[in-house]
Amino acid sequence: MSSGATFALGTSSETIGGLSGNGTVDFGSSSLWVEVPTGASSSFGGDFTRASGSHFYKSGDGTQYITSDITGI
């Protein structure tokens, strides 16, 4: 995800194959599933915004790095 871009989930949950870049993930009131396959890795250093009831889940045997402050996620 490019710096300045926003991935807005709104009210529908999403499953993606890795989160990378420096944009903003706006959870709305939904959940984000990040499924990183074995041997793969992704790094995300952007921002998170969320509402009550939203969740961040990671699955798969790969590695998801979060290099930003994720207090409250």
Protein backbone atom coordinates (compact mmCIF):
# COMPACT_ATOMS: atom_id res chain seq x y z
CA MET A 1 0.00 0.00 0.00
CA SER A 2 1.37 3.40 -0.96
CA SER A 3 1.98 6.15 1.56
CA GLY A 4 -1.14 8.31 1.64
CA ALA A 5 -3.43 5.49 0.43
CA THR A 6 -6.30 4.22 2.59
CA PHE A 7 -7.63 0.66 2.70
CA ALA A 8 -11.17 1.20 4.03
CA LEU A 9 -12.99 -1.90 5.23
CA GLY A 10 -16.28 -0.22 6.20
CA THR A 11 -18.69 -2.86 7.48
CA SER A 12 -17.47 -5.92 5.57
CA SER A 13 -14.58 -8.08 6.79
CA GLU A 14 -11.72 -8.79 4.38
CA THR A 15 -9.06 -11.49 3.99
CA ILE A 16 -5.81 -10.52 2.30
CA GLY A 17 -2.55 -12.35 1.61
CA GLY A 18 -0.26 -9.95 3.46
CA LEU A 19 -0.18 -6.30 4.46
CA SER A 20 2.70 -4.16 3.22
CA GLY A 21 3.55 -0.52 2.72
CA ASN A 22 2.85 2.64 4.67
CA GLY A 23 -0.76 3.69 4.06
CA THR A 24 -3.72 3.68 6.43
CA VAL A 25 -5.96 0.75 7.26
CA ASP A 26 -9.41 2.02 8.30
CA PHE A 27 -11.19 -0.90 9.96
CA GLY A 28 -14.55 0.80 10.30
CA SER A 29 -16.53 -1.74 12.32
CA SER A 30 -15.18 -4.83 10.54
CA SER A 31 -12.30 -7.29 10.83
CA LEU A 32 -9.18 -7.81 8.75
CA TRP A 33 -7.72 -11.29 8.28
CA VAL A 34 -4.12 -11.35 7.03
CA GLU A 35 -3.18 -14.81 5.77
CA VAL A 36 0.55 -15.07 5.10
CA PRO A 37 1.60 -18.37 3.48
CA THR A 38 4.56 -20.47 4.58
CA GLY A 39 7.87 -18.94 3.54
CA ALA A 40 6.39 -15.50 2.85
CA SER A 41 6.65 -12.29 4.84
CA SER A 42 5.11 -8.81 4.68
CA SER A 43 5.96 -5.59 6.49
CA PHE A 44 3.53 -2.74 7.24
CA GLY A 45 4.52 0.58 8.79
CA GLY A 46 1.37 2.61 8.26
CA ASP A 47 -1.49 3.70 10.48
CA PHE A 48 -4.54 1.89 11.80
CA THR A 49 -7.90 3.46 12.60
CA ARG A 50 -10.64 1.39 14.13
CA ALA A 51 -14.05 1.42 15.72
CA SER A 52 -15.38 -0.65 18.57
CA GLY A 53 -15.89 -4.26 17.50
CA SER A 54 -13.19 -4.33 14.80
CA HIS A 55 -10.40 -6.92 14.88
CA PHE A 56 -7.05 -7.75 13.28
CA TYR A 57 -6.27 -11.45 12.77
CA LYS A 58 -3.16 -13.10 11.35
CA SER A 59 -3.16 -16.66 10.04
CA GLY A 60 -0.79 -18.84 8.06
CA ASP A 61 2.79 -19.86 8.83
CA GLY A 62 4.42 -16.83 7.19
CA THR A 63 5.48 -13.67 9.02
CA GLN A 64 3.60 -10.37 9.20
CA TYR A 65 5.74 -7.51 10.54
CA ILE A 66 4.03 -4.42 11.97
CA THR A 67 6.54 -1.61 12.40
CA SER A 68 4.11 1.11 13.45
CA ASP A 69 2.44 1.82 16.79
CA ILE A 70 -0.64 -0.40 17.03
CA THR A 71 -1.88 0.52 20.48
CA GLY A 72 -5.55 -0.34 20.71
CA ILE A 73 -5.68 -2.87 17.90
